[in-house]
N, C-alpha and C. Protein backbone atom coordinates (compact mmCIF):
# COMPACT_ATOMS: atom_id res chain seq x y z
N MET A 1 5.63 -3.12 -22.65
CA MET A 1 4.46 -2.35 -22.32
C MET A 1 4.89 -1.00 -22.41
N ASN A 2 4.34 -0.11 -23.37
CA ASN A 2 4.37 1.36 -23.30
C ASN A 2 3.75 2.06 -22.21
N MET A 3 4.70 2.49 -21.17
CA MET A 3 3.81 2.67 -19.90
C MET A 3 3.50 4.44 -19.96
N GLN A 4 3.92 5.05 -21.05
CA GLN A 4 3.59 6.47 -21.41
C GLN A 4 2.27 6.65 -21.48
N LYS A 5 1.61 5.80 -22.34
CA LYS A 5 0.04 5.87 -22.45
C LYS A 5 -0.73 5.89 -21.25
N PHE A 6 -0.12 5.06 -20.30
CA PHE A 6 -1.01 5.18 -19.08
C PHE A 6 -0.56 6.02 -17.83
N ALA A 7 0.09 6.86 -18.26
CA ALA A 7 0.81 7.95 -17.24
C ALA A 7 -0.23 8.62 -16.37
N ASP A 8 -1.55 8.82 -16.82
CA ASP A 8 -2.50 9.23 -15.75
C ASP A 8 -3.43 8.31 -15.28
N TYR A 9 -3.02 6.99 -15.27
CA TYR A 9 -3.93 5.69 -14.76
C TYR A 9 -3.39 5.67 -13.03
N ALA A 10 -4.13 5.46 -12.39
CA ALA A 10 -3.85 4.82 -11.19
C ALA A 10 -3.19 3.47 -11.27
N MET A 11 -2.58 2.79 -10.60
CA MET A 11 -1.95 1.40 -10.63
C MET A 11 -2.11 0.72 -9.32
N PHE A 12 -2.65 -0.53 -9.51
CA PHE A 12 -2.94 -1.31 -8.05
C PHE A 12 -2.29 -2.85 -8.43
N LEU A 13 -1.76 -3.33 -7.36
CA LEU A 13 -1.28 -4.76 -7.19
C LEU A 13 -2.28 -5.46 -6.43
N ARG A 14 -2.65 -6.69 -6.88
CA ARG A 14 -3.55 -7.43 -6.24
C ARG A 14 -2.59 -8.26 -5.10
N PRO A 15 -2.57 -8.07 -3.58
CA PRO A 15 -1.83 -8.73 -2.91
C PRO A 15 -1.81 -10.25 -2.92
N ASN A 16 -0.91 -10.72 -2.64
CA ASN A 16 -0.80 -12.52 -2.52
C ASN A 16 -0.73 -13.02 -4.24
N HIS A 17 -0.99 -14.38 -4.55
CA HIS A 17 -0.97 -14.72 -5.94
C HIS A 17 -2.23 -14.87 -6.17
N THR A 18 -2.39 -14.93 -7.78
CA THR A 18 -3.80 -15.11 -8.51
C THR A 18 -3.52 -16.14 -9.56
N ASP A 19 -4.54 -16.88 -9.45
CA ASP A 19 -4.63 -18.13 -10.42
C ASP A 19 -4.57 -17.48 -11.92
N MET A 20 -3.32 -17.70 -12.57
CA MET A 20 -3.00 -17.16 -13.92
C MET A 20 -3.92 -17.80 -14.89
N ARG A 21 -4.76 -18.73 -14.74
CA ARG A 21 -5.65 -19.45 -15.61
C ARG A 21 -6.82 -18.24 -15.81
N LYS A 22 -7.20 -17.44 -14.88
CA LYS A 22 -8.21 -16.46 -14.84
C LYS A 22 -7.90 -15.56 -15.95
N ARG A 23 -8.99 -15.07 -16.77
CA ARG A 23 -9.24 -14.12 -17.53
C ARG A 23 -9.68 -12.91 -17.41
N GLY A 24 -10.13 -11.87 -18.43
CA GLY A 24 -10.45 -10.65 -17.77
C GLY A 24 -11.71 -10.20 -17.14
N ASN A 25 -12.59 -10.92 -17.32
CA ASN A 25 -13.75 -10.96 -16.52
C ASN A 25 -13.59 -11.34 -15.24
N SER A 26 -13.04 -12.57 -14.96
CA SER A 26 -12.68 -13.18 -13.76
C SER A 26 -11.84 -12.16 -12.84
N LEU A 27 -10.57 -11.62 -13.48
CA LEU A 27 -10.01 -10.67 -13.05
C LEU A 27 -10.57 -9.26 -12.43
N ALA A 28 -11.39 -8.83 -13.43
CA ALA A 28 -12.20 -7.83 -13.01
C ALA A 28 -13.28 -7.82 -11.78
N MET A 29 -13.69 -9.26 -11.57
CA MET A 29 -14.43 -9.73 -10.51
C MET A 29 -13.41 -9.70 -9.17
N LEU A 30 -12.30 -10.07 -9.39
CA LEU A 30 -11.43 -9.83 -8.27
C LEU A 30 -10.96 -8.46 -7.66
N VAL A 31 -10.84 -7.48 -8.99
CA VAL A 31 -10.46 -6.22 -8.47
C VAL A 31 -12.10 -5.53 -7.59
N GLN A 32 -13.07 -6.02 -8.22
CA GLN A 32 -14.52 -5.42 -7.56
C GLN A 32 -14.92 -6.04 -6.15
N GLN A 33 -14.75 -7.28 -6.21
CA GLN A 33 -14.93 -7.98 -5.07
C GLN A 33 -13.68 -8.09 -3.63
N GLU A 34 -12.66 -8.40 -4.10
CA GLU A 34 -11.63 -8.65 -3.06
C GLU A 34 -11.06 -7.23 -2.86
N MET A 35 -10.64 -6.54 -4.02
CA MET A 35 -9.81 -5.19 -4.01
C MET A 35 -10.72 -4.05 -3.43
N GLU A 36 -11.89 -4.17 -3.89
CA GLU A 36 -13.12 -3.30 -3.62
C GLU A 36 -12.54 -2.00 -4.27
N LEU A 37 -12.13 -2.37 -5.69
CA LEU A 37 -12.00 -1.17 -6.73
C LEU A 37 -12.93 -1.17 -7.65
N ASN A 38 -13.06 -0.29 -8.44
CA ASN A 38 -13.83 -0.11 -9.65
C ASN A 38 -12.90 -0.53 -10.94
N PRO A 39 -13.23 -1.85 -11.20
CA PRO A 39 -12.45 -2.12 -12.79
C PRO A 39 -12.47 -1.27 -13.74
N PHE A 40 -13.52 -0.33 -13.85
CA PHE A 40 -13.97 0.38 -15.24
C PHE A 40 -13.11 1.86 -15.07
N GLU A 41 -12.63 1.98 -13.82
CA GLU A 41 -11.88 3.36 -13.76
C GLU A 41 -10.69 3.58 -14.59
N LYS A 42 -9.92 4.73 -14.67
CA LYS A 42 -8.65 4.79 -15.47
C LYS A 42 -7.49 4.10 -14.53
N SER A 43 -7.58 2.83 -14.70
CA SER A 43 -6.48 2.18 -13.55
C SER A 43 -5.70 1.03 -14.26
N LEU A 44 -4.73 0.45 -13.98
CA LEU A 44 -4.30 -0.74 -14.12
C LEU A 44 -4.07 -1.65 -13.10
N PHE A 45 -4.71 -2.58 -13.25
CA PHE A 45 -4.60 -3.74 -12.00
C PHE A 45 -3.38 -4.83 -12.42
N VAL A 46 -2.84 -5.26 -11.45
CA VAL A 46 -1.71 -5.96 -11.85
C VAL A 46 -1.64 -7.34 -10.79
N PHE A 47 -1.52 -8.47 -11.32
CA PHE A 47 -1.65 -9.67 -10.84
C PHE A 47 -0.54 -10.51 -11.05
N CYS A 48 -0.10 -11.31 -10.03
CA CYS A 48 1.17 -11.93 -9.90
C CYS A 48 0.75 -13.58 -9.74
N GLY A 49 1.33 -14.61 -10.60
CA GLY A 49 0.96 -15.96 -10.22
C GLY A 49 1.71 -16.54 -9.08
N LYS A 50 1.46 -17.46 -8.63
CA LYS A 50 2.12 -18.35 -7.40
C LYS A 50 3.45 -18.30 -7.65
N THR A 51 4.10 -18.94 -8.88
CA THR A 51 5.48 -18.93 -9.10
C THR A 51 6.28 -17.70 -9.13
N ARG A 52 5.55 -16.82 -9.36
CA ARG A 52 6.01 -15.27 -9.49
C ARG A 52 6.88 -15.26 -10.67
N LYS A 53 6.58 -15.95 -11.69
CA LYS A 53 7.02 -15.90 -13.14
C LYS A 53 6.20 -15.17 -14.04
N ILE A 54 4.85 -15.25 -13.73
CA ILE A 54 3.92 -14.46 -14.67
C ILE A 54 3.05 -13.42 -14.01
N LEU A 55 2.83 -12.38 -14.50
CA LEU A 55 2.17 -11.19 -14.31
C LEU A 55 1.08 -10.89 -15.23
N LYS A 56 -0.02 -10.56 -15.10
CA LYS A 56 -1.10 -10.22 -15.94
C LYS A 56 -1.52 -8.82 -15.43
N VAL A 57 -1.80 -7.74 -16.43
CA VAL A 57 -2.29 -6.32 -16.29
C VAL A 57 -3.51 -6.34 -16.86
N LEU A 58 -4.57 -5.77 -16.31
CA LEU A 58 -5.81 -5.60 -16.53
C LEU A 58 -6.18 -4.03 -16.82
N VAL A 59 -6.83 -3.56 -17.79
CA VAL A 59 -7.14 -2.10 -17.93
C VAL A 59 -8.44 -2.22 -18.72
N TRP A 60 -9.27 -1.42 -18.36
CA TRP A 60 -10.53 -1.09 -18.93
C TRP A 60 -9.96 -0.04 -20.10
N ASP A 61 -10.61 0.03 -21.36
CA ASP A 61 -10.02 0.90 -22.57
C ASP A 61 -11.64 1.20 -23.12
N ARG A 62 -12.32 1.97 -22.69
CA ARG A 62 -13.44 2.41 -23.42
C ARG A 62 -14.91 1.33 -23.62
N ASN A 63 -14.27 0.44 -24.26
CA ASN A 63 -15.45 -0.74 -24.50
C ASN A 63 -14.94 -2.06 -24.20
N GLY A 64 -13.89 -2.45 -23.67
CA GLY A 64 -13.55 -3.56 -23.44
C GLY A 64 -12.14 -3.59 -22.27
N PHE A 65 -11.90 -4.69 -22.00
CA PHE A 65 -10.52 -4.92 -21.10
C PHE A 65 -9.54 -5.24 -22.11
N TRP A 66 -8.51 -4.70 -21.71
CA TRP A 66 -7.12 -5.11 -22.29
C TRP A 66 -6.62 -5.95 -21.12
N GLU A 67 -6.04 -7.18 -21.53
CA GLU A 67 -5.26 -8.07 -20.69
C GLU A 67 -4.03 -8.35 -21.32
N CYS A 68 -2.88 -7.92 -20.65
CA CYS A 68 -1.63 -8.21 -21.00
C CYS A 68 -0.77 -9.09 -20.09
N THR A 69 0.09 -10.04 -20.54
CA THR A 69 0.69 -11.03 -19.94
C THR A 69 2.18 -10.95 -20.10
N LYS A 70 2.81 -11.03 -19.07
CA LYS A 70 4.38 -11.14 -19.20
C LYS A 70 4.88 -12.48 -18.12
N ARG A 71 5.47 -13.25 -19.09
CA ARG A 71 6.07 -14.44 -18.29
C ARG A 71 7.50 -14.42 -18.54
N LEU A 72 8.36 -14.60 -17.48
CA LEU A 72 9.78 -14.56 -17.37
C LEU A 72 10.43 -16.01 -17.57
N GLU A 73 11.18 -15.81 -18.47
CA GLU A 73 11.84 -17.12 -18.86
C GLU A 73 12.95 -17.62 -17.66
N GLU A 74 13.48 -16.70 -17.08
CA GLU A 74 14.17 -17.06 -16.02
C GLU A 74 14.09 -16.11 -14.73
N GLY A 75 14.28 -16.68 -13.53
CA GLY A 75 13.97 -15.57 -12.36
C GLY A 75 12.67 -15.54 -12.09
N THR A 76 12.47 -14.62 -10.86
CA THR A 76 11.22 -14.11 -10.54
C THR A 76 10.66 -12.77 -10.45
N PHE A 77 9.45 -12.50 -10.39
CA PHE A 77 9.41 -11.08 -10.22
C PHE A 77 9.27 -10.76 -8.83
N CYS A 78 9.81 -9.66 -8.24
CA CYS A 78 9.71 -9.50 -6.84
C CYS A 78 8.02 -8.95 -6.60
N TRP A 79 7.64 -9.34 -5.57
CA TRP A 79 6.22 -8.97 -5.20
C TRP A 79 5.98 -8.23 -3.77
N PRO A 80 5.45 -7.43 -3.41
CA PRO A 80 5.27 -6.84 -2.30
C PRO A 80 4.62 -7.75 -1.25
N GLN A 81 5.13 -7.53 -0.02
CA GLN A 81 5.08 -8.40 1.06
C GLN A 81 3.40 -8.29 1.80
N ASP A 82 3.11 -6.99 1.76
CA ASP A 82 1.94 -6.76 2.50
C ASP A 82 1.01 -5.96 1.63
N GLU A 83 -0.42 -5.91 2.03
CA GLU A 83 -1.52 -5.12 1.46
C GLU A 83 -1.03 -3.95 1.32
N ARG A 84 -0.51 -3.48 2.10
CA ARG A 84 -0.38 -1.79 2.11
C ARG A 84 0.47 -1.35 1.03
N GLU A 85 1.73 -2.42 0.74
CA GLU A 85 2.54 -2.20 -0.36
C GLU A 85 1.85 -2.31 -1.57
N ALA A 86 1.36 -3.43 -1.44
CA ALA A 86 0.57 -3.74 -2.72
C ALA A 86 -0.51 -3.01 -3.49
N MET A 87 -1.34 -2.11 -2.49
CA MET A 87 -2.32 -1.54 -3.34
C MET A 87 -2.19 -0.62 -4.24
N GLN A 88 -1.43 0.71 -4.13
CA GLN A 88 -1.28 1.54 -4.89
C GLN A 88 0.15 1.95 -5.08
N VAL A 89 0.67 1.78 -6.50
CA VAL A 89 2.03 1.95 -6.74
C VAL A 89 2.11 2.75 -7.74
N SER A 90 3.32 3.31 -7.86
CA SER A 90 3.60 4.53 -8.92
C SER A 90 3.99 3.68 -10.18
N ARG A 91 4.19 4.62 -10.73
CA ARG A 91 4.29 4.17 -12.41
C ARG A 91 5.93 3.59 -12.49
N GLN A 92 6.81 4.53 -11.60
CA GLN A 92 8.16 4.18 -11.67
C GLN A 92 8.46 2.80 -10.81
N GLN A 93 7.61 2.38 -9.74
CA GLN A 93 7.55 1.20 -9.09
C GLN A 93 7.51 -0.03 -10.06
N LEU A 94 6.42 0.17 -10.90
CA LEU A 94 5.94 -0.99 -11.69
C LEU A 94 6.89 -1.01 -12.87
N CYS A 95 7.38 -0.07 -13.39
CA CYS A 95 8.44 -0.19 -14.38
C CYS A 95 9.57 -0.72 -13.94
N ALA A 96 10.04 -0.54 -12.58
CA ALA A 96 11.35 -1.03 -11.62
C ALA A 96 11.19 -2.62 -11.84
N MET A 97 9.84 -2.86 -11.36
CA MET A 97 9.50 -4.23 -11.08
C MET A 97 9.56 -5.06 -12.52
N LEU A 98 8.98 -4.44 -13.52
CA LEU A 98 8.99 -5.09 -14.78
C LEU A 98 10.29 -5.22 -15.46
N ALA A 99 11.34 -4.57 -14.97
CA ALA A 99 12.79 -4.57 -15.22
C ALA A 99 13.56 -5.63 -14.63
N GLY A 100 13.04 -6.23 -13.56
CA GLY A 100 13.53 -6.86 -12.67
C GLY A 100 14.06 -6.58 -11.36
N GLU A 101 13.88 -5.17 -11.07
CA GLU A 101 14.16 -4.65 -9.95
C GLU A 101 13.25 -4.72 -8.61
N ASN A 102 13.64 -4.55 -7.40
CA ASN A 102 12.75 -4.70 -6.40
C ASN A 102 12.65 -3.50 -5.83
N PRO A 103 11.63 -2.92 -6.01
CA PRO A 103 11.55 -1.27 -5.54
C PRO A 103 10.85 -1.20 -4.13
N TRP A 104 10.50 -2.40 -3.52
CA TRP A 104 10.10 -2.66 -2.02
C TRP A 104 11.25 -3.06 -1.20
N ARG A 105 12.41 -3.46 -1.57
CA ARG A 105 13.39 -3.51 -0.87
C ARG A 105 14.17 -2.51 0.01
N LYS A 106 13.91 -2.76 1.32
CA LYS A 106 14.42 -1.62 2.17
C LYS A 106 15.39 -1.98 2.97
N LEU A 107 16.54 -1.31 2.98
CA LEU A 107 17.78 -1.64 3.82
C LEU A 107 17.21 -1.45 5.21
N PRO A 108 18.02 -2.11 6.45
CA PRO A 108 17.54 -1.83 7.72
C PRO A 108 18.13 -0.50 8.10
N GLU A 109 17.42 0.04 9.03
CA GLU A 109 17.85 1.50 9.59
C GLU A 109 18.68 0.88 10.67
N LEU A 110 19.90 1.57 10.69
CA LEU A 110 20.85 1.18 11.71
C LEU A 110 20.78 2.47 12.59
N HIS A 111 21.11 2.13 13.87
CA HIS A 111 21.52 3.09 14.87
C HIS A 111 22.75 2.95 15.60
N PRO A 112 24.08 2.92 15.09
CA PRO A 112 25.04 2.81 15.68
C PRO A 112 25.53 3.41 16.86
N LYS A 113 26.25 3.07 17.58
CA LYS A 113 26.59 3.97 18.92
C LYS A 113 28.02 4.41 18.93
N GLN A 114 28.83 3.69 18.21
CA GLN A 114 30.20 4.22 18.06
C GLN A 114 30.78 3.80 16.64
N VAL A 115 31.63 4.49 16.20
CA VAL A 115 32.32 3.97 14.85
C VAL A 115 33.50 2.91 15.25
N CYS A 116 33.70 2.00 14.66
CA CYS A 116 34.73 0.92 14.83
C CYS A 116 35.80 1.20 13.93
């Protein structure tokens, strides 16, 4: 997916898993009713299946929805752990996730008392 075209689009992930049998209109209803966002705005909406092997991206393009699907042959997509992380993501985070990285992995904050 060429992300350059979508440089000025907001990007949102739907927390939890989504039934990947859903198509454009059903996904748009999830955006509107559950995410409480407008599916017709300049935004990319990303959904992940239960197995975390399939992602779907929904975007409104002037007169209809584009629905893009990516299925991994091996491994799984990382997926944010909570709604706060899932709602708005940066283009860099989405590209990292599509490349197999985990943009939400955070190392623990350490507070050592002395050097060993």
